[in-house]
Amino acid sequence: MTFELQPRLTGKLIELRPLTRDDFDALYSAASDPLIWEQHPEPDRYKPEVFQKFFDGALESKGALAVIERASGRIIGSSRYCDLNPAASQVEIGWTFLERKFWGGSYNAEMKALMLEHALRFVDRVVFLVGENNLRSQMALRKIGARFVRSEERPAADGTTKRNVVFAITRRDRADRLRRGAANFRGAWWLAFAGCVVSVLVSIAYVDRPVAEFAYAHWRHSALYVAANGFLWSLPLALIVALALLFAAGVRAYAGRPLGAWSETPLLCAWAAMWALSCAIVLKIVFGRSWPEPGYLVEHIYEFLFLRGRSGFESFPSGTMSASGAIIGVLWTRVPSLRMLYAAALVVIAFALVVVNGHWVADIIAGAYLGVVIGRLTVATRRAD
């Protein structure tokens, strides 16, 4: 097979396509931050005249790719395939940069994964050339499993000779790493499931009733209760938005109009939330748990009526946390730069439910786990267009 140096590659977060001359302004906007280049052998590449040479070289290479953030459709960097050596079954991936806000996270990892997957279909070995002082890029390569090979000198754009370091990944290296990663991923999910089960059982036995009694005694008539209750009543609006998004997507599909990349993330959030809420409703019928209020705090009922389907016994798991967790499970992967905000939002929702005795602590834990798992599965099972 002939190596395609300028493929179109699509992932969850980014898309790579052939770089064109019309991309100059957008790509320079991404490259004009001096801090991007401070450890680079050519640290003044943020200057227009220097970047113009870089851009012209990219077009002449016939292997340059524009990196596009799918959520916004905006160019956020570029990379290249170069120095293809069919006899040695080797190609280089290099000349890569991304805007700083996309460093050190899922975007760079996905870009490298897409390019490696494509390259290793045609060659046995991929090499990366990095400036000797560019420690940040060297660390990023080690994170994806690249091994140091050697140091060498190459001519730079200014006519001088620069010392570089060479890293490499072979087809076998990549396959071994993916197998280990899959095993670790499965292990992490089983560990999380076991942690959820243990936490739920401990909460049912020792935590739920004391917390509910404390909240009822100290917060029932407080301003905190009023604020938490108002906040929770606003959450159904998110459900209405989710239904509207799914309806709009259906109408567009029926009319033969494809969804843009910008709309895919909110649509995935809507689908995950509805799926999680549906699963939570089924589990509520299965477990038949009494509510904190009025069930326990007023009527002193604290029990499960398995498969009874009786009114007043629909507490476990929390539907609110299931839907919220599903949305956060999608966003955690699709927009990873705001993960601290997502975690904080989930904690706030959980705390509000505790304050108003909307759910037991065990319900909240189980609902959050269910939602996050469904959110991550929604992203994992999405097929690229």
Protein backbone atom coordinates (compact mmCIF):
# COMPACT_ATOMS: atom_id res chain seq x y z
CA MET A 1 0.00 0.00 0.00
CA THR A 2 1.12 3.56 -0.69
CA PHE A 3 1.55 5.78 2.37
CA GLU A 4 -0.97 8.63 2.26
CA LEU A 5 0.94 11.61 3.66
CA GLN A 6 -2.08 13.91 3.92
CA PRO A 7 -5.03 11.84 5.15
CA ARG A 8 -8.17 13.03 6.83
CA LEU A 9 -8.23 11.69 10.39
CA THR A 10 -11.13 12.21 12.81
CA GLY A 11 -11.17 11.66 16.56
CA LYS A 12 -13.46 12.61 19.43
CA LEU A 13 -11.86 16.01 20.03
CA ILE A 14 -9.97 16.91 16.87
CA GLU A 15 -9.85 16.42 13.14
CA LEU A 16 -6.73 16.45 10.97
CA ARG A 17 -6.95 17.39 7.31
CA PRO A 18 -4.49 18.52 4.60
CA LEU A 19 -3.10 22.00 5.21
CA THR A 20 -3.93 24.48 2.42
CA ARG A 21 -2.65 27.92 1.50
CA ASP A 22 -5.93 29.44 2.65
CA ASP A 23 -5.16 28.29 6.21
CA PHE A 24 -2.33 30.79 6.78
CA ASP A 25 -4.24 33.39 8.81
CA ALA A 26 -5.99 30.85 11.02
CA LEU A 27 -2.80 28.86 11.62
CA TYR A 28 -0.74 31.96 12.34
CA SER A 29 -3.36 33.07 14.86
CA ALA A 30 -2.76 29.79 16.68
CA ALA A 31 1.04 30.13 16.40
CA SER A 32 1.45 33.80 17.33
CA ASP A 33 1.91 33.16 21.07
CA PRO A 34 5.68 33.53 21.84
CA LEU A 35 5.42 31.09 24.76
CA ILE A 36 4.64 28.25 22.36
CA TRP A 37 8.15 28.51 20.95
CA GLU A 38 10.25 29.42 23.99
CA GLN A 39 11.89 25.96 24.20
CA HIS A 40 11.96 25.44 20.45
CA PRO A 41 15.17 25.52 18.36
CA GLU A 42 13.52 28.37 16.42
CA PRO A 43 12.10 30.48 19.28
CA ASP A 44 11.09 33.45 17.08
CA ARG A 45 8.62 31.48 14.98
CA TYR A 46 5.79 33.59 16.40
CA LYS A 47 7.00 36.46 14.17
CA PRO A 48 5.03 36.76 10.89
CA GLU A 49 8.04 36.66 8.58
CA VAL A 50 9.54 33.62 10.36
CA PHE A 51 6.24 31.81 10.48
CA GLN A 52 5.74 32.46 6.76
CA LYS A 53 8.85 30.37 6.03
CA PHE A 54 7.54 27.61 8.30
CA PHE A 55 4.17 27.69 6.53
CA ASP A 56 5.69 27.65 3.03
CA GLY A 57 7.84 24.68 4.06
CA ALA A 58 4.76 22.89 5.36
CA LEU A 59 2.99 23.27 2.01
CA GLU A 60 6.09 22.18 0.08
CA SER A 61 6.44 19.06 2.25
CA LYS A 62 3.16 17.62 0.91
CA GLY A 63 2.66 16.02 4.31
CA ALA A 64 1.36 18.89 6.47
CA LEU A 65 -1.92 18.60 8.37
CA ALA A 66 -4.10 21.23 10.00
CA VAL A 67 -5.35 20.31 13.48
CA ILE A 68 -8.96 21.38 14.02
CA GLU A 69 -10.89 21.41 17.29
CA ARG A 70 -14.14 19.67 16.43
CA ALA A 71 -16.24 21.52 19.01
CA SER A 72 -15.45 24.94 17.48
CA GLY A 73 -14.25 24.10 13.97
CA ARG A 74 -11.18 26.25 14.65
CA ILE A 75 -7.58 25.48 13.60
CA ILE A 76 -5.50 25.03 16.77
CA GLY A 77 -2.19 23.81 15.36
CA SER A 78 -0.51 21.62 12.76
CA SER A 79 1.72 18.58 12.30
CA ARG A 80 3.42 16.70 9.45
CA TYR A 81 4.43 13.37 8.08
CA CYS A 82 7.89 13.70 6.55
CA ASP A 83 11.07 11.85 5.56
CA LEU A 84 9.22 8.73 4.49
CA ASN A 85 11.71 5.88 3.99
CA PRO A 86 9.97 2.85 2.44
CA ALA A 87 13.17 0.78 2.44
CA ALA A 88 13.54 1.18 6.22
CA SER A 89 9.74 1.07 6.70
CA GLN A 90 9.94 4.35 8.63
CA VAL A 91 8.34 7.79 8.65
CA GLU A 92 8.82 10.87 10.81
CA ILE A 93 6.06 12.77 12.59
CA GLY A 94 7.21 16.27 13.37
CA TRP A 95 6.88 20.04 13.03
CA THR A 96 4.03 19.78 15.51
CA PHE A 97 2.56 22.58 17.59
CA LEU A 98 -0.72 23.28 19.37
CA GLU A 99 -2.10 26.33 21.12
CA ARG A 100 -1.00 26.33 24.76
CA LYS A 101 -4.51 25.77 26.12
CA PHE A 102 -4.43 22.32 24.47
CA TRP A 103 -1.07 21.24 25.88
CA GLY A 104 -0.53 18.32 28.22
CA GLY A 105 -3.94 16.73 27.91
CA SER A 106 -6.31 14.79 25.71
CA TYR A 107 -5.91 16.87 22.55
CA ASN A 108 -2.21 16.20 21.99
CA ALA A 109 -2.63 12.55 22.98
CA GLU A 110 -5.47 12.09 20.51
CA MET A 111 -3.56 13.83 17.71
CA LYS A 112 -0.53 11.58 18.22
CA ALA A 113 -2.77 8.49 18.49
CA LEU A 114 -4.56 9.29 15.22
CA MET A 115 -1.31 9.94 13.37
CA LEU A 116 0.40 6.86 14.80
CA GLU A 117 -2.55 4.61 13.98
CA HIS A 118 -2.50 5.84 10.38
CA ALA A 119 1.29 5.64 9.99
CA LEU A 120 1.70 2.18 11.49
CA ARG A 121 -0.69 0.75 8.91
CA PHE A 122 2.04 1.41 6.32
CA VAL A 123 5.39 1.38 8.15
CA ASP A 124 6.95 -0.49 11.06
CA ARG A 125 8.53 2.49 12.79
CA VAL A 126 7.67 6.13 13.47
CA VAL A 127 10.34 8.57 14.60
CA PHE A 128 10.08 11.99 16.24
CA LEU A 129 12.78 14.69 16.13
CA VAL A 130 12.81 17.16 19.04
CA GLY A 131 15.12 20.02 19.99
CA GLU A 132 17.65 19.03 22.66
CA ASN A 133 16.37 21.74 25.03
CA ASN A 134 12.69 21.19 24.30
CA LEU A 135 12.07 19.21 27.47
CA ARG A 136 8.33 19.75 27.32
CA SER A 137 7.97 17.94 23.97
CA GLN A 138 10.31 15.18 25.12
CA MET A 139 8.11 14.56 28.16
CA ALA A 140 5.01 14.50 25.94
CA LEU A 141 6.60 11.86 23.70
CA ARG A 142 7.54 9.67 26.66
CA LYS A 143 3.93 9.88 27.85
CA ILE A 144 2.71 8.23 24.63
CA GLY A 145 5.35 5.47 24.85
CA ALA A 146 8.10 6.82 22.57
CA ARG A 147 11.65 5.64 23.39
CA PHE A 148 14.82 7.72 23.17
CA VAL A 149 17.03 6.48 20.32
CA ARG A 150 19.92 8.90 19.83
CA SER A 151 21.08 12.51 19.57
CA GLU A 152 22.00 14.02 16.20
CA GLU A 153 22.72 17.36 14.57
CA ARG A 154 20.65 18.79 11.73
CA PRO A 155 20.74 22.07 9.80
CA ALA A 156 18.27 24.68 11.08
CA ALA A 157 16.29 27.25 9.12
CA ASP A 158 18.80 30.00 9.99
CA GLY A 159 21.68 28.05 8.44
CA THR A 160 23.23 26.91 11.73
CA THR A 161 23.41 23.37 13.03
CA LYS A 162 21.09 22.41 15.90
CA ARG A 163 21.39 19.40 18.15
CA ASN A 164 18.25 17.27 18.36
CA VAL A 165 17.12 14.09 20.04
CA VAL A 166 15.37 11.24 18.24
CA PHE A 167 12.52 9.20 19.73
CA ALA A 168 10.81 6.22 18.10
CA ILE A 169 7.71 4.02 18.37
CA THR A 170 7.47 0.70 16.54
CA ARG A 171 4.35 -1.18 15.54
CA ARG A 172 5.07 -3.76 18.22
CA ASP A 173 5.66 -1.06 20.87
CA ARG A 174 2.30 0.49 20.04
CA ALA A 175 0.41 -2.81 20.12
CA ASP A 176 1.94 -3.74 23.49
CA ARG A 177 1.09 -0.34 24.94
CA LEU A 178 -2.52 -0.51 23.72
CA ARG A 179 -2.94 -3.98 25.26
CA ARG A 180 -1.57 -2.77 28.58
CA GLY A 181 -3.76 0.33 28.41
CA ALA A 182 -6.89 -1.74 27.75
CA ALA A 183 -6.08 -4.03 30.67
CA ASN A 184 -5.45 -1.06 32.98
CA PHE A 185 -8.69 0.58 31.82
CA ARG A 186 -10.74 -2.52 32.59
CA GLY A 187 -9.03 -2.85 35.94
CA ALA A 188 -9.75 0.78 36.80
CA TRP A 189 -13.46 0.39 35.99
CA TRP A 190 -13.76 -2.79 38.04
CA LEU A 191 -12.03 -1.03 40.92
CA ALA A 192 -14.38 1.93 40.59
CA PHE A 193 -17.39 -0.42 40.53
CA ALA A 194 -16.17 -2.23 43.64
CA GLY A 195 -15.58 1.13 45.35
CA CYS A 196 -19.10 2.24 44.43
CA VAL A 197 -20.67 -0.95 45.81
CA VAL A 198 -18.70 -0.76 49.07
CA SER A 199 -19.49 2.95 49.48
CA VAL A 200 -23.19 2.34 48.90
CA LEU A 201 -23.35 -0.54 51.37
CA VAL A 202 -21.44 1.42 54.04
CA SER A 203 -23.69 4.43 53.50
CA ILE A 204 -26.86 2.36 53.82
CA ALA A 205 -25.62 0.80 57.07
CA TYR A 206 -23.91 3.72 58.79
CA VAL A 207 -24.17 7.06 56.96
CA ASP A 208 -27.59 7.63 55.40
CA ARG A 209 -29.73 8.01 58.53
CA PRO A 210 -27.33 10.20 60.56
CA VAL A 211 -26.80 12.55 57.60
CA ALA A 212 -30.53 12.80 56.89
CA GLU A 213 -31.28 13.51 60.55
CA PHE A 214 -28.56 16.16 60.73
CA ALA A 215 -29.80 17.90 57.58
CA TYR A 216 -33.39 17.85 58.82
CA ALA A 217 -32.45 19.21 62.25
CA HIS A 218 -30.03 21.94 61.15
CA TRP A 219 -30.93 23.01 57.61
CA ARG A 220 -34.68 22.38 57.21
CA HIS A 221 -35.65 26.02 57.85
CA SER A 222 -32.43 27.77 56.81
CA ALA A 223 -31.51 30.03 53.91
CA LEU A 224 -29.21 27.25 52.73
CA TYR A 225 -32.23 24.96 52.35
CA VAL A 226 -34.11 27.59 50.34
CA ALA A 227 -31.10 28.15 48.04
CA ALA A 228 -30.47 24.43 47.55
CA ASN A 229 -34.14 23.76 46.86
CA GLY A 230 -34.32 26.57 44.29
CA PHE A 231 -31.17 25.31 42.62
CA LEU A 232 -32.51 21.77 42.34
CA TRP A 233 -35.83 22.95 40.93
CA SER A 234 -33.91 24.68 38.11
CA LEU A 235 -32.28 21.41 37.00
CA PRO A 236 -35.37 20.08 35.15
CA LEU A 237 -34.74 22.87 32.66
CA ALA A 238 -31.67 20.90 31.58
CA LEU A 239 -33.93 17.91 30.88
CA ILE A 240 -36.19 20.09 28.73
CA VAL A 241 -33.13 21.34 26.82
CA ALA A 242 -31.96 17.74 26.33
CA LEU A 243 -35.33 16.73 24.89
CA ALA A 244 -35.31 19.79 22.61
CA LEU A 245 -31.81 18.94 21.35
CA LEU A 246 -32.76 15.35 20.60
CA PHE A 247 -35.92 16.49 18.80
CA ALA A 248 -33.95 19.04 16.76
CA ALA A 249 -31.35 16.42 15.85
CA GLY A 250 -34.10 14.07 14.70
CA VAL A 251 -35.69 16.76 12.54
CA ARG A 252 -32.33 17.60 10.93
CA ALA A 253 -31.59 13.93 10.27
CA TYR A 254 -35.05 13.43 8.76
CA ALA A 255 -34.46 16.44 6.51
CA GLY A 256 -31.09 15.03 5.42
CA ARG A 257 -29.08 17.83 7.02
CA PRO A 258 -25.96 16.57 8.86
CA LEU A 259 -25.06 17.85 12.29
CA GLY A 260 -22.02 20.09 12.54
CA ALA A 261 -19.09 19.17 14.79
CA TRP A 262 -20.00 22.07 17.10
CA SER A 263 -23.38 20.47 17.90
CA GLU A 264 -22.13 16.94 18.49
CA THR A 265 -21.03 17.43 22.12
CA PRO A 266 -24.33 18.87 23.41
CA LEU A 267 -26.22 16.19 21.49
CA LEU A 268 -24.10 13.48 23.12
CA CYS A 269 -24.77 15.09 26.51
CA ALA A 270 -28.51 15.06 25.83
CA TRP A 271 -28.50 11.44 24.68
CA ALA A 272 -26.40 10.29 27.66
CA ALA A 273 -28.62 12.17 30.13
CA MET A 274 -31.79 10.60 28.75
CA TRP A 275 -30.21 7.14 28.70
CA ALA A 276 -28.97 7.50 32.28
CA LEU A 277 -32.31 8.79 33.52
CA SER A 278 -34.10 5.88 31.87
CA CYS A 279 -31.76 3.38 33.53
CA ALA A 280 -32.23 5.11 36.89
CA ILE A 281 -36.03 4.85 36.61
CA VAL A 282 -35.79 1.10 35.95
CA LEU A 283 -33.44 0.65 38.92
CA LYS A 284 -35.78 2.62 41.16
CA ILE A 285 -38.49 0.06 40.44
CA VAL A 286 -36.07 -2.80 40.99
CA PHE A 287 -34.74 -1.61 44.36
CA GLY A 288 -37.87 0.13 45.69
CA ARG A 289 -36.14 2.19 48.37
CA SER A 290 -38.03 4.57 50.67
CA TRP A 291 -37.27 8.29 50.54
CA PRO A 292 -35.52 10.20 53.34
CA GLU A 293 -38.46 12.61 53.55
CA PRO A 294 -41.24 11.88 54.29
CA GLY A 295 -40.47 8.14 54.31
CA TYR A 296 -37.91 8.01 57.09
CA LEU A 297 -37.98 11.41 58.78
CA VAL A 298 -41.78 11.60 59.08
CA GLU A 299 -43.08 8.04 58.81
CA HIS A 300 -39.93 6.26 60.11
CA ILE A 301 -39.77 3.94 57.10
CA TYR A 302 -36.29 2.79 56.14
CA GLU A 303 -36.44 -0.20 53.81
CA PHE A 304 -36.21 -1.62 50.31
CA LEU A 305 -39.26 -3.17 48.60
CA PHE A 306 -37.56 -5.00 45.75
CA LEU A 307 -39.61 -5.22 42.53
CA ARG A 308 -42.77 -3.93 44.23
CA GLY A 309 -43.14 -0.75 42.13
CA ARG A 310 -44.85 1.04 45.01
CA SER A 311 -45.30 4.81 45.23
CA GLY A 312 -42.99 6.43 47.76
CA PHE A 313 -40.27 3.82 47.22
CA GLU A 314 -38.31 5.27 44.28
CA SER A 315 -35.26 6.77 45.98
CA PHE A 316 -32.42 4.52 44.77
CA PRO A 317 -30.50 5.55 42.68
CA SER A 318 -30.77 9.32 42.31
CA GLY A 319 -32.09 10.27 38.87
CA THR A 320 -30.77 13.80 39.28
CA MET A 321 -27.24 12.53 39.89
CA SER A 322 -27.56 9.97 37.08
CA ALA A 323 -28.44 12.61 34.48
CA SER A 324 -25.87 15.07 35.83
CA GLY A 325 -23.17 12.42 35.96
CA ALA A 326 -23.93 11.37 32.38
CA ILE A 327 -23.47 14.91 31.11
CA ILE A 328 -20.23 15.26 33.05
CA GLY A 329 -19.06 11.85 31.78
CA VAL A 330 -19.41 13.15 28.21
CA LEU A 331 -17.82 16.52 28.88
CA TRP A 332 -14.94 14.94 30.83
CA THR A 333 -13.69 13.40 27.59
CA ARG A 334 -14.98 15.87 25.01
CA VAL A 335 -13.94 19.13 26.71
CA PRO A 336 -11.23 18.08 29.21
CA SER A 337 -9.92 21.58 29.89
CA LEU A 338 -12.80 22.25 32.34
CA ARG A 339 -12.63 19.04 34.39
CA MET A 340 -12.24 20.86 37.71
CA LEU A 341 -15.44 22.77 36.97
CA TYR A 342 -17.33 19.54 36.17
CA ALA A 343 -16.18 17.89 39.39
CA ALA A 344 -17.19 20.97 41.39
CA ALA A 345 -20.63 21.02 39.71
CA LEU A 346 -21.25 17.37 40.62
CA VAL A 347 -20.25 18.03 44.24
CA VAL A 348 -22.58 21.05 44.43
CA ILE A 349 -25.52 19.04 43.09
CA ALA A 350 -24.81 16.22 45.54
CA PHE A 351 -24.57 18.62 48.46
CA ALA A 352 -27.84 20.32 47.48
CA LEU A 353 -29.59 16.93 47.48
CA VAL A 354 -28.25 16.21 50.96
CA VAL A 355 -29.32 19.63 52.29
CA VAL A 356 -32.95 19.21 51.19
CA ASN A 357 -33.04 15.47 51.98
CA GLY A 358 -33.87 14.82 48.36
CA HIS A 359 -31.88 11.59 48.44
CA TRP A 360 -29.85 9.37 50.72
CA VAL A 361 -26.06 9.55 50.40
CA ALA A 362 -26.05 6.01 48.96
CA ASP A 363 -28.55 7.08 46.28
CA ILE A 364 -26.29 9.97 45.31
CA ILE A 365 -23.17 7.80 45.07
CA ALA A 366 -24.91 5.15 42.95
CA GLY A 367 -26.56 7.72 40.70
CA ALA A 368 -23.29 9.55 40.07
CA TYR A 369 -21.49 6.30 39.22
CA LEU A 370 -24.28 5.16 36.90
CA GLY A 371 -24.37 8.50 35.11
CA VAL A 372 -20.60 8.84 34.64
CA VAL A 373 -20.34 5.28 33.28
CA ILE A 374 -23.15 5.92 30.80
CA GLY A 375 -21.62 9.24 29.78
CA ARG A 376 -18.24 7.64 29.10
CA LEU A 377 -19.87 4.76 27.23
CA THR A 378 -21.81 7.23 25.10
CA VAL A 379 -18.57 8.85 23.98
CA ALA A 380 -16.76 5.53 23.56
CA THR A 381 -19.45 4.06 21.32
CA ARG A 382 -19.81 7.14 19.11
CA ARG A 383 -18.47 6.46 15.67
CA ALA A 384 -16.55 9.14 13.82
CA ASP A 385 -18.38 10.62 10.83
